Structures are given as C-alpha cells and as structure tokens.
Amino acid sequence: AATRAVEQVVARLAASGTKIIMTTHDLGQARRLAGDVVFLHRGQVLE
C-alpha cells in the first residue's frame, strides 16, 4: 500500500515536468513507471 502511494507521487511529479531518474529492484514497479530502462550488469550499461 505504501509502495503504491509513493508510485502515485512519482507519477504526479513526472506528469508535472520533473525528470525522474530512479533505481529499483522491483521489476513490476519498473514496468509501471518507466519510460526508458537502463540495465546495469557488473558495472556496465548493457542496455
């Protein structure tokens, strides 16, 4: 529930024009929020 509330705030900020750059370990959250994805592996950007 708290995660959902935070995601709603993040979405509002993004909609207002703030650029969000965010790390997460939650793939569901990444799917819900991301416009683009940076995939890091062993210190390198692979995608």
All heavy atoms as atom14 arrays in JSON, in Angstrom:
{
  "sequence": "AATRAVEQVVARLAASGTKIIMTTHDLGQARRLAGDVVFLHRGQVLE",
  "atom14_mask": [
    [1, 1, 1, 1, 1, 0, 0, 0, 0, 0, 0, 0, 0, 0],
    [1, 1, 1, 1, 1, 0, 0, 0, 0, 0, 0, 0, 0, 0],
    [1, 1, 1, 1, 1, 1, 1, 0, 0, 0, 0, 0, 0, 0],
    [1, 1, 1, 1, 1, 1, 1, 1, 1, 1, 1, 0, 0, 0],
    [1, 1, 1, 1, 1, 0, 0, 0, 0, 0, 0, 0, 0, 0],
    [1, 1, 1, 1, 1, 1, 1, 0, 0, 0, 0, 0, 0, 0],
    [1, 1, 1, 1, 1, 1, 1, 1, 1, 0, 0, 0, 0, 0],
    [1, 1, 1, 1, 1, 1, 1, 1, 1, 0, 0, 0, 0, 0],
    [1, 1, 1, 1, 1, 1, 1, 0, 0, 0, 0, 0, 0, 0],
    [1, 1, 1, 1, 1, 1, 1, 0, 0, 0, 0, 0, 0, 0],
    [1, 1, 1, 1, 1, 0, 0, 0, 0, 0, 0, 0, 0, 0],
    [1, 1, 1, 1, 1, 1, 1, 1, 1, 1, 1, 0, 0, 0],
    [1, 1, 1, 1, 1, 1, 1, 1, 0, 0, 0, 0, 0, 0],
    [1, 1, 1, 1, 1, 0, 0, 0, 0, 0, 0, 0, 0, 0],
    [1, 1, 1, 1, 1, 0, 0, 0, 0, 0, 0, 0, 0, 0],
    [1, 1, 1, 1, 1, 1, 0, 0, 0, 0, 0, 0, 0, 0],
    [1, 1, 1, 1, 0, 0, 0, 0, 0, 0, 0, 0, 0, 0],
    [1, 1, 1, 1, 1, 1, 1, 0, 0, 0, 0, 0, 0, 0],
    [1, 1, 1, 1, 1, 1, 1, 1, 1, 0, 0, 0, 0, 0],
    [1, 1, 1, 1, 1, 1, 1, 1, 0, 0, 0, 0, 0, 0],
    [1, 1, 1, 1, 1, 1, 1, 1, 0, 0, 0, 0, 0, 0],
    [1, 1, 1, 1, 1, 1, 1, 1, 0, 0, 0, 0, 0, 0],
    [1, 1, 1, 1, 1, 1, 1, 0, 0, 0, 0, 0, 0, 0],
    [1, 1, 1, 1, 1, 1, 1, 0, 0, 0, 0, 0, 0, 0],
    [1, 1, 1, 1, 1, 1, 1, 1, 1, 1, 0, 0, 0, 0],
    [1, 1, 1, 1, 1, 1, 1, 1, 0, 0, 0, 0, 0, 0],
    [1, 1, 1, 1, 1, 1, 1, 1, 0, 0, 0, 0, 0, 0],
    [1, 1, 1, 1, 0, 0, 0, 0, 0, 0, 0, 0, 0, 0],
    [1, 1, 1, 1, 1, 1, 1, 1, 1, 0, 0, 0, 0, 0],
    [1, 1, 1, 1, 1, 0, 0, 0, 0, 0, 0, 0, 0, 0],
    [1, 1, 1, 1, 1, 1, 1, 1, 1, 1, 1, 0, 0, 0],
    [1, 1, 1, 1, 1, 1, 1, 1, 1, 1, 1, 0, 0, 0],
    [1, 1, 1, 1, 1, 1, 1, 1, 0, 0, 0, 0, 0, 0],
    [1, 1, 1, 1, 1, 0, 0, 0, 0, 0, 0, 0, 0, 0],
    [1, 1, 1, 1, 0, 0, 0, 0, 0, 0, 0, 0, 0, 0],
    [1, 1, 1, 1, 1, 1, 1, 1, 0, 0, 0, 0, 0, 0],
    [1, 1, 1, 1, 1, 1, 1, 0, 0, 0, 0, 0, 0, 0],
    [1, 1, 1, 1, 1, 1, 1, 0, 0, 0, 0, 0, 0, 0],
    [1, 1, 1, 1, 1, 1, 1, 1, 1, 1, 1, 0, 0, 0],
    [1, 1, 1, 1, 1, 1, 1, 1, 0, 0, 0, 0, 0, 0],
    [1, 1, 1, 1, 1, 1, 1, 1, 1, 1, 0, 0, 0, 0],
    [1, 1, 1, 1, 1, 1, 1, 1, 1, 1, 1, 0, 0, 0],
    [1, 1, 1, 1, 0, 0, 0, 0, 0, 0, 0, 0, 0, 0],
    [1, 1, 1, 1, 1, 1, 1, 1, 1, 0, 0, 0, 0, 0],
    [1, 1, 1, 1, 1, 1, 1, 0, 0, 0, 0, 0, 0, 0],
    [1, 1, 1, 1, 1, 1, 1, 1, 0, 0, 0, 0, 0, 0],
    [1, 1, 1, 1, 1, 1, 1, 1, 1, 0, 0, 0, 0, 0]
  ],
  "atom14_positions": [
    [[0.83, -1.21, 0.0], [0.0, 0.0, 0.0], [0.86, 1.25, 0.0], [0.59, 2.22, -0.73], [-0.93, -0.01, 1.21], [0.0, 0.0, 0.0], [0.0, 0.0, 0.0], [0.0, 0.0, 0.0], [0.0, 0.0, 0.0], [0.0, 0.0, 0.0], [0.0, 0.0, 0.0], [0.0, 0.0, 0.0], [0.0, 0.0, 0.0], [0.0, 0.0, 0.0]],
    [[1.92, 1.27, 0.82], [2.81, 2.43, 0.87], [3.57, 2.58, -0.45], [3.79, 3.7, -0.93], [3.78, 2.28, 2.03], [0.0, 0.0, 0.0], [0.0, 0.0, 0.0], [0.0, 0.0, 0.0], [0.0, 0.0, 0.0], [0.0, 0.0, 0.0], [0.0, 0.0, 0.0], [0.0, 0.0, 0.0], [0.0, 0.0, 0.0], [0.0, 0.0, 0.0]],
    [[3.95, 1.45, -1.05], [4.62, 1.5, -2.35], [3.71, 2.11, -3.4], [4.14, 2.96, -4.19], [5.02, 0.07, -2.78], [6.02, -0.42, -1.88], [5.56, 0.05, -4.21], [0.0, 0.0, 0.0], [0.0, 0.0, 0.0], [0.0, 0.0, 0.0], [0.0, 0.0, 0.0], [0.0, 0.0, 0.0], [0.0, 0.0, 0.0], [0.0, 0.0, 0.0]],
    [[2.46, 1.71, -3.4], [1.5, 2.26, -4.36], [1.36, 3.77, -4.18], [1.3, 4.53, -5.15], [0.15, 1.57, -4.21], [-0.89, 1.97, -5.25], [-2.04, 0.97, -5.29], [-2.64, 0.76, -3.97], [-2.5, -0.35, -3.24], [-1.78, -1.36, -3.69], [-3.1, -0.45, -2.06], [0.0, 0.0, 0.0], [0.0, 0.0, 0.0], [0.0, 0.0, 0.0]],
    [[1.32, 4.24, -2.93], [1.18, 5.67, -2.66], [2.4, 6.43, -3.15], [2.28, 7.53, -3.73], [0.97, 5.9, -1.16], [0.0, 0.0, 0.0], [0.0, 0.0, 0.0], [0.0, 0.0, 0.0], [0.0, 0.0, 0.0], [0.0, 0.0, 0.0], [0.0, 0.0, 0.0], [0.0, 0.0, 0.0], [0.0, 0.0, 0.0], [0.0, 0.0, 0.0]],
    [[3.59, 5.88, -2.94], [4.81, 6.54, -3.42], [4.83, 6.56, -4.94], [5.19, 7.58, -5.56], [6.06, 5.83, -2.86], [7.32, 6.32, -3.58], [6.18, 6.08, -1.36], [0.0, 0.0, 0.0], [0.0, 0.0, 0.0], [0.0, 0.0, 0.0], [0.0, 0.0, 0.0], [0.0, 0.0, 0.0], [0.0, 0.0, 0.0], [0.0, 0.0, 0.0]],
    [[4.46, 5.47, -5.57], [4.43, 5.44, -7.04], [3.47, 6.49, -7.6], [3.74, 7.09, -8.64], [4.03, 4.05, -7.53], [5.11, 3.0, -7.34], [4.7, 1.65, -7.88], [3.6, 1.54, -8.47], [5.47, 0.68, -7.72], [0.0, 0.0, 0.0], [0.0, 0.0, 0.0], [0.0, 0.0, 0.0], [0.0, 0.0, 0.0], [0.0, 0.0, 0.0]],
    [[2.35, 6.7, -6.93], [1.41, 7.72, -7.38], [2.04, 9.1, -7.34], [1.85, 9.92, -8.24], [0.14, 7.66, -6.54], [-0.72, 6.44, -6.8], [-1.84, 6.27, -5.8], [-1.89, 6.94, -4.76], [-2.77, 5.36, -6.09], [0.0, 0.0, 0.0], [0.0, 0.0, 0.0], [0.0, 0.0, 0.0], [0.0, 0.0, 0.0], [0.0, 0.0, 0.0]],
    [[2.82, 9.36, -6.28], [3.51, 10.65, -6.17], [4.55, 10.78, -7.28], [4.65, 11.84, -7.93], [4.17, 10.8, -4.8], [5.03, 12.07, -4.75], [3.12, 10.85, -3.69], [0.0, 0.0, 0.0], [0.0, 0.0, 0.0], [0.0, 0.0, 0.0], [0.0, 0.0, 0.0], [0.0, 0.0, 0.0], [0.0, 0.0, 0.0], [0.0, 0.0, 0.0]],
    [[5.3, 9.72, -7.52], [6.31, 9.75, -8.59], [5.65, 10.04, -9.93], [6.15, 10.85, -10.73], [7.09, 8.42, -8.63], [7.99, 8.36, -9.86], [7.92, 8.25, -7.36], [0.0, 0.0, 0.0], [0.0, 0.0, 0.0], [0.0, 0.0, 0.0], [0.0, 0.0, 0.0], [0.0, 0.0, 0.0], [0.0, 0.0, 0.0], [0.0, 0.0, 0.0]],
    [[4.52, 9.41, -10.19], [3.82, 9.64, -11.45], [3.34, 11.08, -11.55], [3.41, 11.69, -12.63], [2.64, 8.68, -11.56], [0.0, 0.0, 0.0], [0.0, 0.0, 0.0], [0.0, 0.0, 0.0], [0.0, 0.0, 0.0], [0.0, 0.0, 0.0], [0.0, 0.0, 0.0], [0.0, 0.0, 0.0], [0.0, 0.0, 0.0], [0.0, 0.0, 0.0]],
    [[2.86, 11.65, -10.44], [2.42, 13.05, -10.46], [3.59, 14.0, -10.75], [3.46, 14.96, -11.52], [1.78, 13.43, -9.13], [0.43, 12.8, -8.87], [-0.18, 13.3, -7.57], [-1.16, 12.34, -7.08], [-1.12, 11.75, -5.89], [-0.14, 12.03, -5.05], [-2.05, 10.9, -5.54], [0.0, 0.0, 0.0], [0.0, 0.0, 0.0], [0.0, 0.0, 0.0]],
    [[4.72, 13.74, -10.12], [5.89, 14.58, -10.35], [6.33, 14.49, -11.8], [6.66, 15.51, -12.43], [7.02, 14.15, -9.42], [6.86, 14.54, -7.95], [7.88, 13.81, -7.1], [6.99, 16.04, -7.78], [0.0, 0.0, 0.0], [0.0, 0.0, 0.0], [0.0, 0.0, 0.0], [0.0, 0.0, 0.0], [0.0, 0.0, 0.0], [0.0, 0.0, 0.0]],
    [[6.35, 13.29, -12.34], [6.75, 13.12, -13.74], [5.78, 13.86, -14.67], [6.2, 14.51, -15.64], [6.82, 11.64, -14.09], [0.0, 0.0, 0.0], [0.0, 0.0, 0.0], [0.0, 0.0, 0.0], [0.0, 0.0, 0.0], [0.0, 0.0, 0.0], [0.0, 0.0, 0.0], [0.0, 0.0, 0.0], [0.0, 0.0, 0.0], [0.0, 0.0, 0.0]],
    [[4.49, 13.77, -14.37], [3.48, 14.44, -15.19], [3.61, 15.96, -15.11], [3.25, 16.67, -16.05], [2.09, 14.0, -14.77], [0.0, 0.0, 0.0], [0.0, 0.0, 0.0], [0.0, 0.0, 0.0], [0.0, 0.0, 0.0], [0.0, 0.0, 0.0], [0.0, 0.0, 0.0], [0.0, 0.0, 0.0], [0.0, 0.0, 0.0], [0.0, 0.0, 0.0]],
    [[4.15, 16.45, -14.0], [4.29, 17.9, -13.83], [5.5, 18.46, -14.57], [5.68, 19.68, -14.65], [4.41, 18.25, -12.33], [5.71, 17.95, -11.85], [0.0, 0.0, 0.0], [0.0, 0.0, 0.0], [0.0, 0.0, 0.0], [0.0, 0.0, 0.0], [0.0, 0.0, 0.0], [0.0, 0.0, 0.0], [0.0, 0.0, 0.0], [0.0, 0.0, 0.0]],
    [[6.36, 17.59, -15.09], [7.52, 18.04, -15.84], [8.84, 17.73, -15.2], [9.89, 18.02, -15.8], [0.0, 0.0, 0.0], [0.0, 0.0, 0.0], [0.0, 0.0, 0.0], [0.0, 0.0, 0.0], [0.0, 0.0, 0.0], [0.0, 0.0, 0.0], [0.0, 0.0, 0.0], [0.0, 0.0, 0.0], [0.0, 0.0, 0.0], [0.0, 0.0, 0.0]],
    [[8.85, 17.17, -14.0], [10.1, 16.79, -13.36], [10.63, 15.5, -13.98], [9.9, 14.53, -14.11], [9.91, 16.57, -11.85], [9.41, 17.77, -11.26], [11.21, 16.19, -11.17], [0.0, 0.0, 0.0], [0.0, 0.0, 0.0], [0.0, 0.0, 0.0], [0.0, 0.0, 0.0], [0.0, 0.0, 0.0], [0.0, 0.0, 0.0], [0.0, 0.0, 0.0]],
    [[11.89, 15.5, -14.37], [12.51, 14.29, -14.9], [12.91, 13.4, -13.73], [13.7, 13.8, -12.87], [13.74, 14.62, -15.75], [14.49, 13.39, -16.25], [13.64, 12.54, -17.19], [14.38, 11.29, -17.62], [13.65, 10.52, -18.63], [0.0, 0.0, 0.0], [0.0, 0.0, 0.0], [0.0, 0.0, 0.0], [0.0, 0.0, 0.0], [0.0, 0.0, 0.0]],
    [[12.39, 12.18, -13.7], [12.69, 11.23, -12.65], [13.75, 10.25, -13.16], [13.6, 9.66, -14.24], [11.44, 10.44, -12.23], [10.3, 11.38, -11.79], [11.77, 9.42, -11.14], [10.57, 12.14, -10.53], [0.0, 0.0, 0.0], [0.0, 0.0, 0.0], [0.0, 0.0, 0.0], [0.0, 0.0, 0.0], [0.0, 0.0, 0.0], [0.0, 0.0, 0.0]],
    [[14.82, 10.08, -12.38], [15.83, 9.05, -12.65], [15.9, 8.2, -11.38], [16.26, 8.7, -10.32], [17.2, 9.64, -12.99], [17.08, 10.59, -14.2], [18.21, 8.54, -13.28], [18.36, 11.32, -14.55], [0.0, 0.0, 0.0], [0.0, 0.0, 0.0], [0.0, 0.0, 0.0], [0.0, 0.0, 0.0], [0.0, 0.0, 0.0], [0.0, 0.0, 0.0]],
    [[15.54, 6.93, -11.49], [15.26, 6.13, -10.31], [15.84, 4.73, -10.41], [15.8, 4.11, -11.47], [13.73, 6.07, -10.14], [13.2, 5.14, -9.08], [11.39, 5.3, -9.0], [10.97, 3.72, -8.26], [0.0, 0.0, 0.0], [0.0, 0.0, 0.0], [0.0, 0.0, 0.0], [0.0, 0.0, 0.0], [0.0, 0.0, 0.0], [0.0, 0.0, 0.0]],
    [[16.37, 4.23, -9.3], [16.77, 2.83, -9.22], [15.68, 2.04, -8.52], [14.99, 2.55, -7.63], [18.08, 2.67, -8.43], [17.88, 3.06, -7.07], [19.2, 3.49, -9.04], [0.0, 0.0, 0.0], [0.0, 0.0, 0.0], [0.0, 0.0, 0.0], [0.0, 0.0, 0.0], [0.0, 0.0, 0.0], [0.0, 0.0, 0.0], [0.0, 0.0, 0.0]],
    [[15.54, 0.79, -8.91], [14.6, -0.1, -8.22], [15.03, -1.55, -8.44], [15.65, -1.87, -9.45], [13.15, 0.1, -8.71], [12.28, -0.75, -7.96], [13.0, -0.24, -10.18], [0.0, 0.0, 0.0], [0.0, 0.0, 0.0], [0.0, 0.0, 0.0], [0.0, 0.0, 0.0], [0.0, 0.0, 0.0], [0.0, 0.0, 0.0], [0.0, 0.0, 0.0]],
    [[14.68, -2.4, -7.48], [14.88, -3.84, -7.64], [13.57, -4.52, -8.01], [13.54, -5.73, -8.23], [15.42, -4.45, -6.34], [14.42, -4.41, -5.22], [14.19, -3.28, -4.47], [13.56, -5.34, -4.76], [13.24, -3.53, -3.58], [12.83, -4.76, -3.73], [0.0, 0.0, 0.0], [0.0, 0.0, 0.0], [0.0, 0.0, 0.0], [0.0, 0.0, 0.0]],
    [[12.5, -3.74, -8.09], [11.15, -4.26, -8.3], [10.81, -4.15, -9.79], [10.53, -3.05, -10.3], [10.18, -3.44, -7.45], [8.74, -3.94, -7.53], [8.38, -4.61, -8.51], [7.97, -3.64, -6.6], [0.0, 0.0, 0.0], [0.0, 0.0, 0.0], [0.0, 0.0, 0.0], [0.0, 0.0, 0.0], [0.0, 0.0, 0.0], [0.0, 0.0, 0.0]],
    [[10.81, -5.28, -10.49], [10.54, -5.24, -11.92], [9.11, -4.8, -12.23], [8.87, -4.14, -13.24], [10.81, -6.62, -12.54], [12.27, -7.03, -12.62], [12.41, -8.43, -13.21], [13.07, -6.02, -13.44], [0.0, 0.0, 0.0], [0.0, 0.0, 0.0], [0.0, 0.0, 0.0], [0.0, 0.0, 0.0], [0.0, 0.0, 0.0], [0.0, 0.0, 0.0]],
    [[8.15, -5.16, -11.37], [6.78, -4.68, -11.56], [6.72, -3.18, -11.5], [6.03, -2.53, -12.3], [0.0, 0.0, 0.0], [0.0, 0.0, 0.0], [0.0, 0.0, 0.0], [0.0, 0.0, 0.0], [0.0, 0.0, 0.0], [0.0, 0.0, 0.0], [0.0, 0.0, 0.0], [0.0, 0.0, 0.0], [0.0, 0.0, 0.0], [0.0, 0.0, 0.0]],
    [[7.44, -2.6, -10.55], [7.49, -1.14, -10.43], [8.13, -0.51, -11.65], [7.65, 0.52, -12.17], [8.27, -0.77, -9.17], [8.33, 0.72, -8.89], [8.96, 0.97, -7.53], [10.18, 0.92, -7.39], [8.12, 1.21, -6.53], [0.0, 0.0, 0.0], [0.0, 0.0, 0.0], [0.0, 0.0, 0.0], [0.0, 0.0, 0.0], [0.0, 0.0, 0.0]],
    [[9.21, -1.12, -12.13], [9.86, -0.6, -13.33], [8.91, -0.62, -14.52], [8.84, 0.34, -15.3], [11.12, -1.41, -13.63], [0.0, 0.0, 0.0], [0.0, 0.0, 0.0], [0.0, 0.0, 0.0], [0.0, 0.0, 0.0], [0.0, 0.0, 0.0], [0.0, 0.0, 0.0], [0.0, 0.0, 0.0], [0.0, 0.0, 0.0], [0.0, 0.0, 0.0]],
    [[8.14, -1.69, -14.67], [7.17, -1.77, -15.76], [6.11, -0.69, -15.64], [5.66, -0.12, -16.64], [6.5, -3.15, -15.78], [7.4, -4.3, -16.19], [6.66, -5.62, -16.06], [7.5, -6.77, -16.32], [7.68, -7.33, -17.51], [7.06, -6.82, -18.56], [8.45, -8.39, -17.65], [0.0, 0.0, 0.0], [0.0, 0.0, 0.0], [0.0, 0.0, 0.0]],
    [[5.68, -0.41, -14.41], [4.62, 0.56, -14.21], [5.08, 2.0, -14.45], [4.29, 2.84, -14.92], [4.06, 0.45, -12.78], [3.28, -0.83, -12.52], [2.59, -0.8, -11.17], [3.5, -0.83, -10.04], [3.98, -1.93, -9.47], [3.64, -3.12, -9.95], [4.78, -1.87, -8.42], [0.0, 0.0, 0.0], [0.0, 0.0, 0.0], [0.0, 0.0, 0.0]],
    [[6.33, 2.3, -14.14], [6.76, 3.69, -14.13], [7.66, 4.1, -15.29], [7.69, 5.27, -15.67], [7.51, 3.99, -12.82], [6.7, 3.95, -11.53], [7.63, 4.17, -10.33], [5.59, 4.99, -11.54], [0.0, 0.0, 0.0], [0.0, 0.0, 0.0], [0.0, 0.0, 0.0], [0.0, 0.0, 0.0], [0.0, 0.0, 0.0], [0.0, 0.0, 0.0]],
    [[8.39, 3.17, -15.86], [9.49, 3.54, -16.76], [9.02, 4.02, -18.12], [8.13, 3.43, -18.74], [10.43, 2.35, -16.94], [0.0, 0.0, 0.0], [0.0, 0.0, 0.0], [0.0, 0.0, 0.0], [0.0, 0.0, 0.0], [0.0, 0.0, 0.0], [0.0, 0.0, 0.0], [0.0, 0.0, 0.0], [0.0, 0.0, 0.0], [0.0, 0.0, 0.0]],
    [[9.68, 5.08, -18.59], [9.61, 5.44, -20.0], [10.74, 4.78, -20.75], [10.59, 4.34, -21.89], [0.0, 0.0, 0.0], [0.0, 0.0, 0.0], [0.0, 0.0, 0.0], [0.0, 0.0, 0.0], [0.0, 0.0, 0.0], [0.0, 0.0, 0.0], [0.0, 0.0, 0.0], [0.0, 0.0, 0.0], [0.0, 0.0, 0.0], [0.0, 0.0, 0.0]],
    [[11.91, 4.71, -20.1], [13.05, 4.01, -20.65], [13.78, 3.31, -19.51], [13.65, 3.68, -18.34], [13.99, 4.94, -21.42], [14.51, 6.08, -20.57], [13.69, 6.82, -19.99], [15.74, 6.25, -20.46], [0.0, 0.0, 0.0], [0.0, 0.0, 0.0], [0.0, 0.0, 0.0], [0.0, 0.0, 0.0], [0.0, 0.0, 0.0], [0.0, 0.0, 0.0]],
    [[14.53, 2.27, -19.86], [15.19, 1.42, -18.88], [16.68, 1.38, -19.15], [17.11, 1.19, -20.3], [14.62, -0.01, -18.91], [15.46, -0.96, -18.05], [13.17, -0.02, -18.45], [0.0, 0.0, 0.0], [0.0, 0.0, 0.0], [0.0, 0.0, 0.0], [0.0, 0.0, 0.0], [0.0, 0.0, 0.0], [0.0, 0.0, 0.0], [0.0, 0.0, 0.0]],
    [[17.46, 1.57, -18.08], [18.9, 1.35, -18.12], [19.18, 0.05, -17.39], [18.84, -0.08, -16.21], [19.67, 2.51, -17.45], [21.17, 2.21, -17.4], [19.41, 3.82, -18.17], [0.0, 0.0, 0.0], [0.0, 0.0, 0.0], [0.0, 0.0, 0.0], [0.0, 0.0, 0.0], [0.0, 0.0, 0.0], [0.0, 0.0, 0.0], [0.0, 0.0, 0.0]],
    [[19.78, -0.93, -18.08], [20.1, -2.21, -17.46], [21.59, -2.27, -17.18], [22.42, -2.22, -18.1], [19.69, -3.37, -18.35], [20.1, -4.72, -17.81], [19.56, -5.2, -16.63], [21.05, -5.49, -18.48], [19.96, -6.44, -16.12], [21.44, -6.73, -17.98], [20.9, -7.2, -16.79], [0.0, 0.0, 0.0], [0.0, 0.0, 0.0], [0.0, 0.0, 0.0]],
    [[21.94, -2.36, -15.89], [23.33, -2.44, -15.46], [23.67, -3.87, -15.08], [22.89, -4.55, -14.41], [23.55, -1.56, -14.22], [23.97, -0.1, -14.36], [24.13, 0.51, -12.98], [25.25, 0.05, -15.15], [0.0, 0.0, 0.0], [0.0, 0.0, 0.0], [0.0, 0.0, 0.0], [0.0, 0.0, 0.0], [0.0, 0.0, 0.0], [0.0, 0.0, 0.0]],
    [[24.87, -4.29, -15.46], [25.35, -5.62, -15.05], [26.85, -5.53, -14.85], [27.59, -5.16, -15.77], [25.02, -6.66, -16.12], [25.51, -8.03, -15.81], [25.21, -8.69, -14.64], [26.3, -8.88, -16.52], [25.77, -9.89, -14.64], [26.45, -10.03, -15.77], [0.0, 0.0, 0.0], [0.0, 0.0, 0.0], [0.0, 0.0, 0.0], [0.0, 0.0, 0.0]],
    [[27.28, -5.86, -13.63], [28.7, -5.83, -13.28], [29.36, -4.53, -13.68], [30.46, -4.49, -14.24], [29.44, -7.01, -13.91], [28.95, -8.35, -13.36], [29.78, -9.51, -13.84], [29.3, -10.75, -13.25], [29.85, -11.94, -13.46], [30.88, -12.06, -14.26], [29.35, -13.02, -12.87], [0.0, 0.0, 0.0], [0.0, 0.0, 0.0], [0.0, 0.0, 0.0]],
    [[28.66, -3.41, -13.36], [29.24, -2.08, -13.54], [29.21, -1.53, -14.94], [29.78, -0.47, -15.19], [0.0, 0.0, 0.0], [0.0, 0.0, 0.0], [0.0, 0.0, 0.0], [0.0, 0.0, 0.0], [0.0, 0.0, 0.0], [0.0, 0.0, 0.0], [0.0, 0.0, 0.0], [0.0, 0.0, 0.0], [0.0, 0.0, 0.0], [0.0, 0.0, 0.0]],
    [[28.53, -2.22, -15.84], [28.44, -1.73, -17.22], [26.99, -1.61, -17.66], [26.14, -2.42, -17.24], [29.18, -2.67, -18.17], [30.68, -2.67, -18.01], [31.36, -3.5, -19.08], [31.28, -4.73, -19.07], [32.01, -2.84, -20.02], [0.0, 0.0, 0.0], [0.0, 0.0, 0.0], [0.0, 0.0, 0.0], [0.0, 0.0, 0.0], [0.0, 0.0, 0.0]],
    [[26.72, -0.63, -18.5], [25.39, -0.49, -19.08], [25.32, -1.42, -20.29], [25.98, -1.19, -21.3], [25.1, 0.96, -19.51], [23.77, 1.04, -20.25], [25.07, 1.87, -18.29], [0.0, 0.0, 0.0], [0.0, 0.0, 0.0], [0.0, 0.0, 0.0], [0.0, 0.0, 0.0], [0.0, 0.0, 0.0], [0.0, 0.0, 0.0], [0.0, 0.0, 0.0]],
    [[24.51, -2.47, -20.17], [24.36, -3.41, -21.29], [23.21, -3.02, -22.2], [23.22, -3.36, -23.38], [24.15, -4.82, -20.76], [25.29, -5.43, -19.95], [25.03, -6.93, -19.72], [26.64, -5.24, -20.63], [0.0, 0.0, 0.0], [0.0, 0.0, 0.0], [0.0, 0.0, 0.0], [0.0, 0.0, 0.0], [0.0, 0.0, 0.0], [0.0, 0.0, 0.0]],
    [[22.2, -2.33, -21.64], [21.08, -1.89, -22.47], [20.55, -0.57, -21.93], [20.52, -0.34, -20.72], [19.95, -2.92, -22.47], [20.33, -4.28, -23.01], [19.13, -5.14, -23.37], [18.1, -4.56, -23.84], [19.21, -6.36, -23.19], [0.0, 0.0, 0.0], [0.0, 0.0, 0.0], [0.0, 0.0, 0.0], [0.0, 0.0, 0.0], [0.0, 0.0, 0.0]]
  ]
}
